[in-house]
Amino acid sequence: MKNGKFIYIIAALLLVFVVAYEHQSNHHVAAKEGESQKIIVPLINAKNEQMGEAVLTQTAKGVRIALKVEGLKPGIHAIHFHENGVCTPPDFMSAGGHFNPDEKKHGLENPNGPHAGDMPNIFADSHGRVNTVIFNSRVTLEEGQKNSLRDADGSALIIHEYGDDQVSDPAGNSGARVLCGVIK
């Protein structure tokens, strides 16, 4: 009988410690700060239909892009941040050129590059779906910074028809803009 009461007392104390830890003020402040640096970006096609989304999260080393889309042609596609926060179908040319606050040349493999908006290619499976995470260390979600995606007019996330050759200026021969999402 005494061992049973002892176990209940230990379990109750453990529960009190867990609840106290979860309700520490520092724990909640960190969660609120992290939430303010996350942006959900719906991605639309040329018919203005939502085909997925990107969740952008500020990290200590740049922006994390969690990408989940469908409706692409199977294979390799370029993905870039573009300079204007406008996605006017059907061609999304309203998004302007690549986000390039440092005025560099295009391409991750270009010795005079890359643009801040250049990123590695993504792969759509045989059903045209992408579910991946990529990082971009050259941009931020923090407003007021030269390399912020959230400047006065915002920016756009564009997925292109083809893969990026990572060298050709200005856009890597990546073809038409097929999906677009506004970042504000």
C-alpha atoms as a PDB file:
ATOM      1  CA  MET A   1       0.000   0.000   0.000  1.00  0.00           C
ATOM      2  CA  LYS A   2       2.770   2.441   0.896  1.00  0.00           C
ATOM      3  CA  ASN A   3       4.548   1.807  -2.454  1.00  0.00           C
ATOM      4  CA  GLY A   4       1.340   2.621  -4.342  1.00  0.00           C
ATOM      5  CA  LYS A   5       0.939   5.987  -2.562  1.00  0.00           C
ATOM      6  CA  PHE A   6       4.615   6.768  -3.188  1.00  0.00           C
ATOM      7  CA  ILE A   7       4.196   6.162  -6.946  1.00  0.00           C
ATOM      8  CA  TYR A   8       1.118   8.422  -7.046  1.00  0.00           C
ATOM      9  CA  ILE A   9       2.982  11.179  -5.219  1.00  0.00           C
ATOM     10  CA  ILE A  10       5.948  10.931  -7.633  1.00  0.00           C
ATOM     11  CA  ALA A  11       3.579  10.955 -10.628  1.00  0.00           C
ATOM     12  CA  ALA A  12       1.743  14.007  -9.264  1.00  0.00           C
ATOM     13  CA  LEU A  13       5.030  15.872  -8.689  1.00  0.00           C
ATOM     14  CA  LEU A  14       6.212  15.013 -12.176  1.00  0.00           C
ATOM     15  CA  LEU A  15       2.949  16.333 -13.604  1.00  0.00           C
ATOM     16  CA  VAL A  16       3.329  19.586 -11.638  1.00  0.00           C
ATOM     17  CA  PHE A  17       6.881  20.055 -12.974  1.00  0.00           C
ATOM     18  CA  VAL A  18       5.780  19.419 -16.589  1.00  0.00           C
ATOM     19  CA  VAL A  19       2.870  21.870 -16.319  1.00  0.00           C
ATOM     20  CA  ALA A  20       5.107  24.480 -14.658  1.00  0.00           C
ATOM     21  CA  TYR A  21       7.711  24.112 -17.435  1.00  0.00           C
ATOM     22  CA  GLU A  22       5.088  24.503 -20.173  1.00  0.00           C
ATOM     23  CA  HIS A  23       3.779  27.694 -18.555  1.00  0.00           C
ATOM     24  CA  GLN A  24       7.094  29.471 -18.025  1.00  0.00           C
ATOM     25  CA  SER A  25       6.933  33.020 -19.388  1.00  0.00           C
ATOM     26  CA  ASN A  26      10.155  32.612 -21.427  1.00  0.00           C
ATOM     27  CA  HIS A  27       8.705  29.599 -23.203  1.00  0.00           C
ATOM     28  CA  HIS A  28       5.650  31.559 -24.393  1.00  0.00           C
ATOM     29  CA  VAL A  29       7.646  34.612 -25.493  1.00  0.00           C
ATOM     30  CA  ALA A  30       9.826  32.494 -27.768  1.00  0.00           C
ATOM     31  CA  ALA A  31       6.751  30.894 -29.367  1.00  0.00           C
ATOM     32  CA  LYS A  32       5.158  34.285 -30.050  1.00  0.00           C
ATOM     33  CA  GLU A  33       8.357  35.630 -31.623  1.00  0.00           C
ATOM     34  CA  GLY A  34       8.597  32.596 -33.910  1.00  0.00           C
ATOM     35  CA  GLU A  35       4.978  32.969 -35.018  1.00  0.00           C
ATOM     36  CA  SER A  36       5.555  36.561 -36.153  1.00  0.00           C
ATOM     37  CA  GLN A  37       8.289  35.386 -38.545  1.00  0.00           C
ATOM     38  CA  LYS A  38       6.195  32.825 -40.455  1.00  0.00           C
ATOM     39  CA  ILE A  39       4.307  33.633 -43.662  1.00  0.00           C
ATOM     40  CA  ILE A  40       1.968  31.313 -45.556  1.00  0.00           C
ATOM     41  CA  VAL A  41       2.107  32.012 -49.294  1.00  0.00           C
ATOM     42  CA  PRO A  42      -0.697  30.531 -51.453  1.00  0.00           C
ATOM     43  CA  LEU A  43       0.559  29.635 -54.940  1.00  0.00           C
ATOM     44  CA  ILE A  44      -1.741  30.155 -57.933  1.00  0.00           C
ATOM     45  CA  ASN A  45      -1.603  29.001 -61.552  1.00  0.00           C
ATOM     46  CA  ALA A  46      -2.418  30.876 -64.779  1.00  0.00           C
ATOM     47  CA  LYS A  47      -6.164  30.238 -64.202  1.00  0.00           C
ATOM     48  CA  ASN A  48      -5.936  31.853 -60.737  1.00  0.00           C
ATOM     49  CA  GLU A  49      -6.469  28.460 -59.043  1.00  0.00           C
ATOM     50  CA  GLN A  50      -4.586  27.726 -55.832  1.00  0.00           C
ATOM     51  CA  MET A  51      -2.234  24.791 -56.472  1.00  0.00           C
ATOM     52  CA  GLY A  52      -0.434  24.702 -53.136  1.00  0.00           C
ATOM     53  CA  GLU A  53       1.448  26.840 -50.691  1.00  0.00           C
ATOM     54  CA  ALA A  54       4.831  27.758 -49.348  1.00  0.00           C
ATOM     55  CA  VAL A  55       5.402  28.337 -45.652  1.00  0.00           C
ATOM     56  CA  LEU A  56       8.253  30.807 -45.185  1.00  0.00           C
ATOM     57  CA  THR A  57       9.921  30.831 -41.785  1.00  0.00           C
ATOM     58  CA  GLN A  58      12.694  33.128 -40.629  1.00  0.00           C
ATOM     59  CA  THR A  59      15.615  31.213 -39.122  1.00  0.00           C
ATOM     60  CA  ALA A  60      18.953  32.334 -37.719  1.00  0.00           C
ATOM     61  CA  LYS A  61      20.567  31.527 -41.090  1.00  0.00           C
ATOM     62  CA  GLY A  62      17.944  32.809 -43.539  1.00  0.00           C
ATOM     63  CA  VAL A  63      14.520  31.761 -44.749  1.00  0.00           C
ATOM     64  CA  ARG A  64      13.185  28.196 -44.693  1.00  0.00           C
ATOM     65  CA  ILE A  65      10.706  27.427 -47.474  1.00  0.00           C
ATOM     66  CA  ALA A  66       8.390  24.455 -46.843  1.00  0.00           C
ATOM     67  CA  LEU A  67       6.821  23.850 -50.234  1.00  0.00           C
ATOM     68  CA  LYS A  68       3.774  21.734 -50.996  1.00  0.00           C
ATOM     69  CA  VAL A  69       2.277  22.056 -54.506  1.00  0.00           C
ATOM     70  CA  GLU A  70       0.556  20.018 -57.196  1.00  0.00           C
ATOM     71  CA  GLY A  71      -0.342  20.424 -60.851  1.00  0.00           C
ATOM     72  CA  LEU A  72       3.184  20.762 -62.213  1.00  0.00           C
ATOM     73  CA  LYS A  73       4.621  18.798 -65.110  1.00  0.00           C
ATOM     74  CA  PRO A  74       6.703  15.922 -63.701  1.00  0.00           C
ATOM     75  CA  GLY A  75      10.398  16.763 -63.575  1.00  0.00           C
ATOM     76  CA  ILE A  76      12.705  19.602 -62.602  1.00  0.00           C
ATOM     77  CA  HIS A  77      11.487  23.167 -62.047  1.00  0.00           C
ATOM     78  CA  ALA A  78      13.203  26.419 -61.142  1.00  0.00           C
ATOM     79  CA  ILE A  79      12.026  28.349 -58.104  1.00  0.00           C
ATOM     80  CA  HIS A  80      12.954  31.982 -57.442  1.00  0.00           C
ATOM     81  CA  PHE A  81      11.990  34.950 -55.339  1.00  0.00           C
ATOM     82  CA  HIS A  82      10.962  37.842 -57.621  1.00  0.00           C
ATOM     83  CA  GLU A  83      11.151  41.570 -56.934  1.00  0.00           C
ATOM     84  CA  ASN A  84       7.461  42.611 -56.936  1.00  0.00           C
ATOM     85  CA  GLY A  85       4.679  41.354 -54.692  1.00  0.00           C
ATOM     86  CA  VAL A  86       2.176  41.036 -57.550  1.00  0.00           C
ATOM     87  CA  CYS A  87       0.933  37.850 -59.249  1.00  0.00           C
ATOM     88  CA  THR A  88      -1.240  38.793 -62.220  1.00  0.00           C
ATOM     89  CA  PRO A  89      -2.253  35.734 -64.267  1.00  0.00           C
ATOM     90  CA  PRO A  90      -1.758  34.304 -66.753  1.00  0.00           C
ATOM     91  CA  ASP A  91       1.991  34.987 -67.179  1.00  0.00           C
ATOM     92  CA  PHE A  92       2.927  36.537 -63.780  1.00  0.00           C
ATOM     93  CA  MET A  93       5.255  39.035 -65.479  1.00  0.00           C
ATOM     94  CA  SER A  94       3.899  41.527 -62.929  1.00  0.00           C
ATOM     95  CA  ALA A  95       6.298  39.941 -60.404  1.00  0.00           C
ATOM     96  CA  GLY A  96       9.229  41.540 -62.245  1.00  0.00           C
ATOM     97  CA  GLY A  97      12.726  40.091 -62.329  1.00  0.00           C
ATOM     98  CA  HIS A  98      14.524  38.055 -59.713  1.00  0.00           C
ATOM     99  CA  PHE A  99      14.923  39.593 -56.273  1.00  0.00           C
ATOM    100  CA  ASN A 100      18.415  41.045 -56.560  1.00  0.00           C
ATOM    101  CA  PRO A 101      19.167  43.845 -54.068  1.00  0.00           C
ATOM    102  CA  ASP A 102      22.937  43.361 -54.449  1.00  0.00           C
ATOM    103  CA  GLU A 103      22.808  43.655 -58.268  1.00  0.00           C
ATOM    104  CA  LYS A 104      24.637  40.393 -58.953  1.00  0.00           C
ATOM    105  CA  LYS A 105      24.426  38.080 -61.966  1.00  0.00           C
ATOM    106  CA  HIS A 106      22.021  35.149 -62.075  1.00  0.00           C
ATOM    107  CA  GLY A 107      22.850  31.622 -61.001  1.00  0.00           C
ATOM    108  CA  LEU A 108      24.065  29.672 -58.007  1.00  0.00           C
ATOM    109  CA  GLU A 109      27.042  28.553 -60.118  1.00  0.00           C
ATOM    110  CA  ASN A 110      27.758  31.948 -61.683  1.00  0.00           C
ATOM    111  CA  PRO A 111      31.068  33.400 -60.378  1.00  0.00           C
ATOM    112  CA  ASN A 112      29.436  36.880 -60.421  1.00  0.00           C
ATOM    113  CA  GLY A 113      26.248  35.718 -58.713  1.00  0.00           C
ATOM    114  CA  PRO A 114      23.884  34.725 -57.416  1.00  0.00           C
ATOM    115  CA  HIS A 115      20.790  36.876 -57.153  1.00  0.00           C
ATOM    116  CA  ALA A 116      19.372  36.853 -53.621  1.00  0.00           C
ATOM    117  CA  GLY A 117      16.258  35.216 -55.098  1.00  0.00           C
ATOM    118  CA  ASP A 118      18.088  32.331 -56.791  1.00  0.00           C
ATOM    119  CA  MET A 119      17.508  28.873 -55.293  1.00  0.00           C
ATOM    120  CA  PRO A 120      18.162  25.224 -56.106  1.00  0.00           C
ATOM    121  CA  ASN A 121      15.791  23.494 -58.513  1.00  0.00           C
ATOM    122  CA  ILE A 122      12.878  21.467 -57.178  1.00  0.00           C
ATOM    123  CA  PHE A 123      11.524  18.137 -58.437  1.00  0.00           C
ATOM    124  CA  ALA A 124       7.883  17.308 -59.200  1.00  0.00           C
ATOM    125  CA  ASP A 125       7.077  13.595 -58.925  1.00  0.00           C
ATOM    126  CA  SER A 126       5.262  11.573 -61.609  1.00  0.00           C
ATOM    127  CA  HIS A 127       1.944  13.038 -60.377  1.00  0.00           C
ATOM    128  CA  GLY A 128       3.219  16.632 -60.603  1.00  0.00           C
ATOM    129  CA  ARG A 129       3.513  17.077 -56.847  1.00  0.00           C
ATOM    130  CA  VAL A 130       6.292  18.685 -54.819  1.00  0.00           C
ATOM    131  CA  ASN A 131       6.652  18.310 -51.062  1.00  0.00           C
ATOM    132  CA  THR A 132      10.060  19.601 -49.985  1.00  0.00           C
ATOM    133  CA  VAL A 133      11.952  22.077 -47.841  1.00  0.00           C
ATOM    134  CA  ILE A 134      14.649  24.422 -49.151  1.00  0.00           C
ATOM    135  CA  PHE A 135      16.634  27.250 -47.558  1.00  0.00           C
ATOM    136  CA  ASN A 136      17.758  30.630 -48.801  1.00  0.00           C
ATOM    137  CA  SER A 137      20.461  32.290 -46.694  1.00  0.00           C
ATOM    138  CA  ARG A 138      20.573  35.475 -48.817  1.00  0.00           C
ATOM    139  CA  VAL A 139      17.093  36.773 -47.880  1.00  0.00           C
ATOM    140  CA  THR A 140      15.179  37.662 -44.727  1.00  0.00           C
ATOM    141  CA  LEU A 141      11.589  38.208 -43.608  1.00  0.00           C
ATOM    142  CA  GLU A 142      12.713  40.967 -41.243  1.00  0.00           C
ATOM    143  CA  GLU A 143      11.281  44.251 -42.466  1.00  0.00           C
ATOM    144  CA  GLY A 144      13.644  47.180 -42.970  1.00  0.00           C
ATOM    145  CA  GLN A 145      16.593  45.075 -44.180  1.00  0.00           C
ATOM    146  CA  LYS A 146      18.079  45.559 -47.666  1.00  0.00           C
ATOM    147  CA  ASN A 147      17.521  41.867 -48.440  1.00  0.00           C
ATOM    148  CA  SER A 148      13.989  41.683 -46.988  1.00  0.00           C
ATOM    149  CA  LEU A 149      11.300  39.942 -49.004  1.00  0.00           C
ATOM    150  CA  ARG A 150       8.861  42.171 -47.116  1.00  0.00           C
ATOM    151  CA  ASP A 151       9.915  45.565 -48.498  1.00  0.00           C
ATOM    152  CA  ALA A 152       7.403  48.301 -49.451  1.00  0.00           C
ATOM    153  CA  ASP A 153       5.945  46.395 -52.429  1.00  0.00           C
ATOM    154  CA  GLY A 154       6.604  42.865 -51.158  1.00  0.00           C
ATOM    155  CA  SER A 155       7.970  40.135 -53.388  1.00  0.00           C
ATOM    156  CA  ALA A 156       6.776  36.973 -55.109  1.00  0.00           C
ATOM    157  CA  LEU A 157       7.688  33.298 -55.110  1.00  0.00           C
ATOM    158  CA  ILE A 158       7.649  31.904 -58.650  1.00  0.00           C
ATOM    159  CA  ILE A 159       7.902  28.317 -59.886  1.00  0.00           C
ATOM    160  CA  HIS A 160       8.979  28.024 -63.520  1.00  0.00           C
ATOM    161  CA  GLU A 161       8.185  25.603 -66.312  1.00  0.00           C
ATOM    162  CA  TYR A 162      11.729  24.156 -66.526  1.00  0.00           C
ATOM    163  CA  GLY A 163      14.788  23.737 -64.363  1.00  0.00           C
ATOM    164  CA  ASP A 164      17.286  26.537 -63.883  1.00  0.00           C
ATOM    165  CA  ASP A 165      20.694  26.017 -65.516  1.00  0.00           C
ATOM    166  CA  GLN A 166      22.143  28.048 -62.573  1.00  0.00           C
ATOM    167  CA  VAL A 167      24.396  30.159 -64.829  1.00  0.00           C
ATOM    168  CA  SER A 168      22.555  31.978 -67.649  1.00  0.00           C
ATOM    169  CA  ASP A 169      21.720  35.593 -66.892  1.00  0.00           C
ATOM    170  CA  PRO A 170      19.088  36.855 -66.171  1.00  0.00           C
ATOM    171  CA  ALA A 171      16.853  33.824 -65.445  1.00  0.00           C
ATOM    172  CA  GLY A 172      18.651  30.537 -66.069  1.00  0.00           C
ATOM    173  CA  ASN A 173      16.629  29.493 -69.154  1.00  0.00           C
ATOM    174  CA  SER A 174      13.880  28.321 -66.824  1.00  0.00           C
ATOM    175  CA  GLY A 175      10.948  28.992 -69.140  1.00  0.00           C
ATOM    176  CA  ALA A 176       7.481  30.312 -68.361  1.00  0.00           C
ATOM    177  CA  ARG A 177       6.273  31.248 -64.903  1.00  0.00           C
ATOM    178  CA  VAL A 178       3.707  28.586 -63.955  1.00  0.00           C
ATOM    179  CA  LEU A 179       2.934  29.246 -60.256  1.00  0.00           C
ATOM    180  CA  CYS A 180       3.094  32.491 -58.312  1.00  0.00           C
ATOM    181  CA  GLY A 181       2.581  33.555 -54.710  1.00  0.00           C
ATOM    182  CA  VAL A 182       2.638  37.027 -53.140  1.00  0.00           C
ATOM    183  CA  ILE A 183       4.840  37.717 -50.106  1.00  0.00           C
ATOM    184  CA  LYS A 184       3.880  40.787 -48.067  1.00  0.00           C
END
